[in-house]
PDB file of all heavy atoms in Angstrom:
ATOM      1  N   ASP A   1       8.666  -9.767  -6.621  1.00  0.00           N
ATOM      2  CA  ASP A   1       7.244  -9.945  -6.924  1.00  0.00           C
ATOM      3  C   ASP A   1       7.145 -10.547  -8.322  1.00  0.00           C
ATOM      4  O   ASP A   1       7.996 -11.338  -8.714  1.00  0.00           O
ATOM      5  CB  ASP A   1       6.465  -8.638  -6.768  1.00  0.00           C
ATOM      6  CG  ASP A   1       7.006  -7.497  -7.630  1.00  0.00           C
ATOM      7  OD1 ASP A   1       7.823  -7.760  -8.543  1.00  0.00           O
ATOM      8  OD2 ASP A   1       6.597  -6.341  -7.419  1.00  0.00           O
ATOM      9  N   GLY A   2       6.131 -10.165  -9.103  1.00  0.00           N
ATOM     10  CA  GLY A   2       5.987 -10.732 -10.440  1.00  0.00           C
ATOM     11  C   GLY A   2       7.062 -10.303 -11.417  1.00  0.00           C
ATOM     12  O   GLY A   2       7.207 -10.896 -12.489  1.00  0.00           O
ATOM     13  N   LEU A   3       7.834  -9.276 -11.072  1.00  0.00           N
ATOM     14  CA  LEU A   3       8.996  -8.872 -11.858  1.00  0.00           C
ATOM     15  C   LEU A   3      10.200  -9.619 -11.291  1.00  0.00           C
ATOM     16  O   LEU A   3      10.776  -9.233 -10.288  1.00  0.00           O
ATOM     17  CB  LEU A   3       9.210  -7.356 -11.760  1.00  0.00           C
ATOM     18  CG  LEU A   3      10.412  -6.800 -12.516  1.00  0.00           C
ATOM     19  CD1 LEU A   3      10.242  -6.948 -14.015  1.00  0.00           C
ATOM     20  CD2 LEU A   3      10.642  -5.341 -12.163  1.00  0.00           C
ATOM     21  N   THR A   4      10.557 -10.725 -11.940  1.00  0.00           N
ATOM     22  CA  THR A   4      11.564 -11.622 -11.375  1.00  0.00           C
ATOM     23  C   THR A   4      12.989 -11.292 -11.793  1.00  0.00           C
ATOM     24  O   THR A   4      13.933 -11.936 -11.325  1.00  0.00           O
ATOM     25  CB  THR A   4      11.259 -13.075 -11.787  1.00  0.00           C
ATOM     26  OG1 THR A   4      11.252 -13.166 -13.221  1.00  0.00           O
ATOM     27  CG2 THR A   4       9.896 -13.508 -11.255  1.00  0.00           C
ATOM     28  N   ALA A   5      13.165 -10.298 -12.671  1.00  0.00           N
ATOM     29  CA  ALA A   5      14.506  -9.980 -13.159  1.00  0.00           C
ATOM     30  C   ALA A   5      15.389  -9.418 -12.054  1.00  0.00           C
ATOM     31  O   ALA A   5      16.613  -9.539 -12.103  1.00  0.00           O
ATOM     32  CB  ALA A   5      14.424  -8.981 -14.312  1.00  0.00           C
ATOM     33  N   TYR A   6      14.783  -8.783 -11.055  1.00  0.00           N
ATOM     34  CA  TYR A   6      15.539  -8.207  -9.943  1.00  0.00           C
ATOM     35  C   TYR A   6      15.077  -8.834  -8.642  1.00  0.00           C
ATOM     36  O   TYR A   6      13.871  -8.977  -8.397  1.00  0.00           O
ATOM     37  CB  TYR A   6      15.347  -6.688  -9.882  1.00  0.00           C
ATOM     38  CG  TYR A   6      15.784  -5.989 -11.141  1.00  0.00           C
ATOM     39  CD1 TYR A   6      14.906  -5.181 -11.840  1.00  0.00           C
ATOM     40  CD2 TYR A   6      17.077  -6.165 -11.632  1.00  0.00           C
ATOM     41  CE1 TYR A   6      15.309  -4.546 -12.996  1.00  0.00           C
ATOM     42  CE2 TYR A   6      17.482  -5.538 -12.793  1.00  0.00           C
ATOM     43  CZ  TYR A   6      16.599  -4.728 -13.477  1.00  0.00           C
ATOM     44  OH  TYR A   6      16.997  -4.112 -14.624  1.00  0.00           O
ATOM     45  N   ARG A   7      16.055  -9.197  -7.802  1.00  0.00           N
ATOM     46  CA  ARG A   7      15.748  -9.895  -6.552  1.00  0.00           C
ATOM     47  C   ARG A   7      16.595  -9.336  -5.419  1.00  0.00           C
ATOM     48  O   ARG A   7      17.724  -8.884  -5.627  1.00  0.00           O
ATOM     49  CB  ARG A   7      16.010 -11.400  -6.696  1.00  0.00           C
ATOM     50  CG  ARG A   7      15.193 -12.072  -7.802  1.00  0.00           C
ATOM     51  CD  ARG A   7      15.712 -13.471  -8.104  1.00  0.00           C
ATOM     52  NE  ARG A   7      15.026 -14.070  -9.238  1.00  0.00           N
ATOM     53  CZ  ARG A   7      14.018 -14.918  -9.151  1.00  0.00           C
ATOM     54  NH1 ARG A   7      13.563 -15.260  -7.959  1.00  0.00           N
ATOM     55  NH2 ARG A   7      13.452 -15.419 -10.230  1.00  0.00           N
ATOM     56  N   GLU A   8      16.045  -9.373  -4.244  1.00  0.00           N
ATOM     57  CA  GLU A   8      16.764  -8.915  -3.054  1.00  0.00           C
ATOM     58  C   GLU A   8      16.171  -9.618  -1.850  1.00  0.00           C
ATOM     59  O   GLU A   8      14.979  -9.928  -1.828  1.00  0.00           O
ATOM     60  CB  GLU A   8      16.630  -7.402  -2.897  1.00  0.00           C
ATOM     61  CG  GLU A   8      17.529  -6.797  -1.849  1.00  0.00           C
ATOM     62  CD  GLU A   8      18.997  -7.011  -2.139  1.00  0.00           C
ATOM     63  OE1 GLU A   8      19.555  -6.283  -2.980  1.00  0.00           O
ATOM     64  OE2 GLU A   8      19.572  -7.928  -1.520  1.00  0.00           O
ATOM     65  N   ARG A   9      16.994  -9.884  -0.843  1.00  0.00           N
ATOM     66  CA  ARG A   9      16.495 -10.491   0.390  1.00  0.00           C
ATOM     67  C   ARG A   9      16.500  -9.458   1.503  1.00  0.00           C
ATOM     68  O   ARG A   9      17.483  -8.741   1.689  1.00  0.00           O
ATOM     69  CB  ARG A   9      17.343 -11.700   0.784  1.00  0.00           C
ATOM     70  CG  ARG A   9      17.212 -12.864  -0.175  1.00  0.00           C
ATOM     71  CD  ARG A   9      17.941 -14.078   0.326  1.00  0.00           C
ATOM     72  NE  ARG A   9      17.999 -15.132  -0.694  1.00  0.00           N
ATOM     73  CZ  ARG A   9      18.653 -16.285  -0.539  1.00  0.00           C
ATOM     74  NH1 ARG A   9      19.282 -16.532   0.605  1.00  0.00           N
ATOM     75  NH2 ARG A   9      18.661 -17.172  -1.499  1.00  0.00           N
ATOM     76  N   PRO A  10      15.409  -9.377   2.235  1.00  0.00           N
ATOM     77  CA  PRO A  10      15.334  -8.406   3.337  1.00  0.00           C
ATOM     78  C   PRO A  10      16.054  -8.933   4.570  1.00  0.00           C
ATOM     79  O   PRO A  10      16.440 -10.104   4.639  1.00  0.00           O
ATOM     80  CB  PRO A  10      13.832  -8.307   3.584  1.00  0.00           C
ATOM     81  CG  PRO A  10      13.331  -9.688   3.262  1.00  0.00           C
ATOM     82  CD  PRO A  10      14.181 -10.174   2.114  1.00  0.00           C
ATOM     83  N   LEU A  11      16.224  -8.063   5.550  1.00  0.00           N
ATOM     84  CA  LEU A  11      16.775  -8.515   6.830  1.00  0.00           C
ATOM     85  C   LEU A  11      15.813  -9.484   7.500  1.00  0.00           C
ATOM     86  O   LEU A  11      16.243 -10.450   8.149  1.00  0.00           O
ATOM     87  CB  LEU A  11      17.016  -7.316   7.754  1.00  0.00           C
ATOM     88  CG  LEU A  11      18.070  -6.291   7.315  1.00  0.00           C
ATOM     89  CD1 LEU A  11      18.154  -5.170   8.332  1.00  0.00           C
ATOM     90  CD2 LEU A  11      19.430  -6.953   7.134  1.00  0.00           C
ATOM     91  N   ALA A  12      14.501  -9.227   7.354  1.00  0.00           N
ATOM     92  CA  ALA A  12      13.493 -10.079   7.992  1.00  0.00           C
ATOM     93  C   ALA A  12      12.158  -9.890   7.271  1.00  0.00           C
ATOM     94  O   ALA A  12      11.938  -8.874   6.598  1.00  0.00           O
ATOM     95  CB  ALA A  12      13.347  -9.736   9.464  1.00  0.00           C
ATOM     96  N   VAL A  13      11.284 -10.876   7.441  1.00  0.00           N
ATOM     97  CA  VAL A  13       9.920 -10.799   6.928  1.00  0.00           C
ATOM     98  C   VAL A  13       8.969 -10.899   8.116  1.00  0.00           C
ATOM     99  O   VAL A  13       9.010 -11.881   8.869  1.00  0.00           O
ATOM    100  CB  VAL A  13       9.618 -11.930   5.928  1.00  0.00           C
ATOM    101  CG1 VAL A  13       8.157 -11.862   5.476  1.00  0.00           C
ATOM    102  CG2 VAL A  13      10.551 -11.860   4.729  1.00  0.00           C
ATOM    103  N   ALA A  14       8.137  -9.873   8.286  1.00  0.00           N
ATOM    104  CA  ALA A  14       7.142  -9.873   9.356  1.00  0.00           C
ATOM    105  C   ALA A  14       5.796 -10.259   8.778  1.00  0.00           C
ATOM    106  O   ALA A  14       5.403  -9.764   7.721  1.00  0.00           O
ATOM    107  CB  ALA A  14       7.062  -8.493   9.994  1.00  0.00           C
ATOM    108  N   LEU A  15       5.080 -11.155   9.459  1.00  0.00           N
ATOM    109  CA  LEU A  15       3.762 -11.603   9.024  1.00  0.00           C
ATOM    110  C   LEU A  15       2.737 -11.367  10.136  1.00  0.00           C
ATOM    111  O   LEU A  15       2.260 -12.312  10.774  1.00  0.00           O
ATOM    112  CB  LEU A  15       3.788 -13.089   8.646  1.00  0.00           C
ATOM    113  CG  LEU A  15       4.673 -13.461   7.459  1.00  0.00           C
ATOM    114  CD1 LEU A  15       5.987 -14.075   7.955  1.00  0.00           C
ATOM    115  CD2 LEU A  15       3.979 -14.430   6.532  1.00  0.00           C
ATOM    116  N   PRO A  16       2.393 -10.120  10.403  1.00  0.00           N
ATOM    117  CA  PRO A  16       1.460  -9.818  11.489  1.00  0.00           C
ATOM    118  C   PRO A  16       0.071 -10.368  11.216  1.00  0.00           C
ATOM    119  O   PRO A  16      -0.309 -10.583  10.069  1.00  0.00           O
ATOM    120  CB  PRO A  16       1.455  -8.288  11.518  1.00  0.00           C
ATOM    121  CG  PRO A  16       1.817  -7.887  10.127  1.00  0.00           C
ATOM    122  CD  PRO A  16       2.797  -8.918   9.666  1.00  0.00           C
ATOM    123  N   GLU A  17      -0.675 -10.587  12.297  1.00  0.00           N
ATOM    124  CA  GLU A  17      -2.025 -11.142  12.199  1.00  0.00           C
ATOM    125  C   GLU A  17      -3.090 -10.181  12.688  1.00  0.00           C
ATOM    126  O   GLU A  17      -4.280 -10.417  12.500  1.00  0.00           O
ATOM    127  CB  GLU A  17      -2.076 -12.446  13.002  1.00  0.00           C
ATOM    128  CG  GLU A  17      -1.107 -13.500  12.472  1.00  0.00           C
ATOM    129  CD  GLU A  17      -0.885 -14.641  13.445  1.00  0.00           C
ATOM    130  OE1 GLU A  17      -1.071 -14.413  14.669  1.00  0.00           O
ATOM    131  OE2 GLU A  17      -0.527 -15.734  13.004  1.00  0.00           O
ATOM    132  N   THR A  18      -2.679  -9.100  13.344  1.00  0.00           N
ATOM    133  CA  THR A  18      -3.616  -8.104  13.862  1.00  0.00           C
ATOM    134  C   THR A  18      -3.102  -6.707  13.521  1.00  0.00           C
ATOM    135  O   THR A  18      -1.904  -6.513  13.281  1.00  0.00           O
ATOM    136  CB  THR A  18      -3.771  -8.218  15.384  1.00  0.00           C
ATOM    137  OG1 THR A  18      -2.524  -7.846  16.003  1.00  0.00           O
ATOM    138  CG2 THR A  18      -4.161  -9.629  15.789  1.00  0.00           C
ATOM    139  N   GLU A  19      -4.015  -5.740  13.551  1.00  0.00           N
ATOM    140  CA  GLU A  19      -3.605  -4.365  13.303  1.00  0.00           C
ATOM    141  C   GLU A  19      -2.657  -3.876  14.394  1.00  0.00           C
ATOM    142  O   GLU A  19      -1.751  -3.084  14.130  1.00  0.00           O
ATOM    143  CB  GLU A  19      -4.827  -3.454  13.199  1.00  0.00           C
ATOM    144  CG  GLU A  19      -5.632  -3.664  11.921  1.00  0.00           C
ATOM    145  CD  GLU A  19      -6.624  -2.535  11.672  1.00  0.00           C
ATOM    146  OE1 GLU A  19      -6.950  -1.803  12.631  1.00  0.00           O
ATOM    147  OE2 GLU A  19      -7.057  -2.392  10.516  1.00  0.00           O
ATOM    148  N   ALA A  20      -2.856  -4.331  15.611  1.00  0.00           N
ATOM    149  CA  ALA A  20      -1.964  -3.943  16.703  1.00  0.00           C
ATOM    150  C   ALA A  20      -0.532  -4.395  16.407  1.00  0.00           C
ATOM    151  O   ALA A  20       0.439  -3.673  16.688  1.00  0.00           O
ATOM    152  CB  ALA A  20      -2.449  -4.537  18.026  1.00  0.00           C
ATOM    153  N   GLN A  21      -0.398  -5.589  15.825  1.00  0.00           N
ATOM    154  CA  GLN A  21       0.929  -6.081  15.469  1.00  0.00           C
ATOM    155  C   GLN A  21       1.531  -5.276  14.319  1.00  0.00           C
ATOM    156  O   GLN A  21       2.733  -5.009  14.304  1.00  0.00           O
ATOM    157  CB  GLN A  21       0.860  -7.561  15.104  1.00  0.00           C
ATOM    158  CG  GLN A  21       0.585  -8.461  16.288  1.00  0.00           C
ATOM    159  CD  GLN A  21       0.419  -9.923  15.894  1.00  0.00           C
ATOM    160  OE1 GLN A  21       0.486 -10.289  14.723  1.00  0.00           O
ATOM    161  NE2 GLN A  21       0.187 -10.783  16.884  1.00  0.00           N
ATOM    162  N   VAL A  22       0.705  -4.871  13.341  1.00  0.00           N
ATOM    163  CA  VAL A  22       1.196  -4.025  12.243  1.00  0.00           C
ATOM    164  C   VAL A  22       1.758  -2.727  12.822  1.00  0.00           C
ATOM    165  O   VAL A  22       2.867  -2.288  12.468  1.00  0.00           O
ATOM    166  CB  VAL A  22       0.079  -3.713  11.234  1.00  0.00           C
ATOM    167  CG1 VAL A  22       0.561  -2.673  10.211  1.00  0.00           C
ATOM    168  CG2 VAL A  22      -0.357  -4.975  10.508  1.00  0.00           C
ATOM    169  N   ALA A  23       0.996  -2.092  13.704  1.00  0.00           N
ATOM    170  CA  ALA A  23       1.439  -0.841  14.314  1.00  0.00           C
ATOM    171  C   ALA A  23       2.731  -1.038  15.095  1.00  0.00           C
ATOM    172  O   ALA A  23       3.649  -0.203  15.026  1.00  0.00           O
ATOM    173  CB  ALA A  23       0.339  -0.299  15.232  1.00  0.00           C
ATOM    174  N   ALA A  24       2.813  -2.151  15.818  1.00  0.00           N
ATOM    175  CA  ALA A  24       4.010  -2.419  16.626  1.00  0.00           C
ATOM    176  C   ALA A  24       5.234  -2.626  15.739  1.00  0.00           C
ATOM    177  O   ALA A  24       6.337  -2.157  16.069  1.00  0.00           O
ATOM    178  CB  ALA A  24       3.769  -3.640  17.513  1.00  0.00           C
TER     179      ALA A  24
END
């Protein structure tokens, strides 16, 4: 985020568009 001194990559990035997708 705005603290750039530490970085890590996740296994995946999810970008849901509905609350149903967030829950899933």
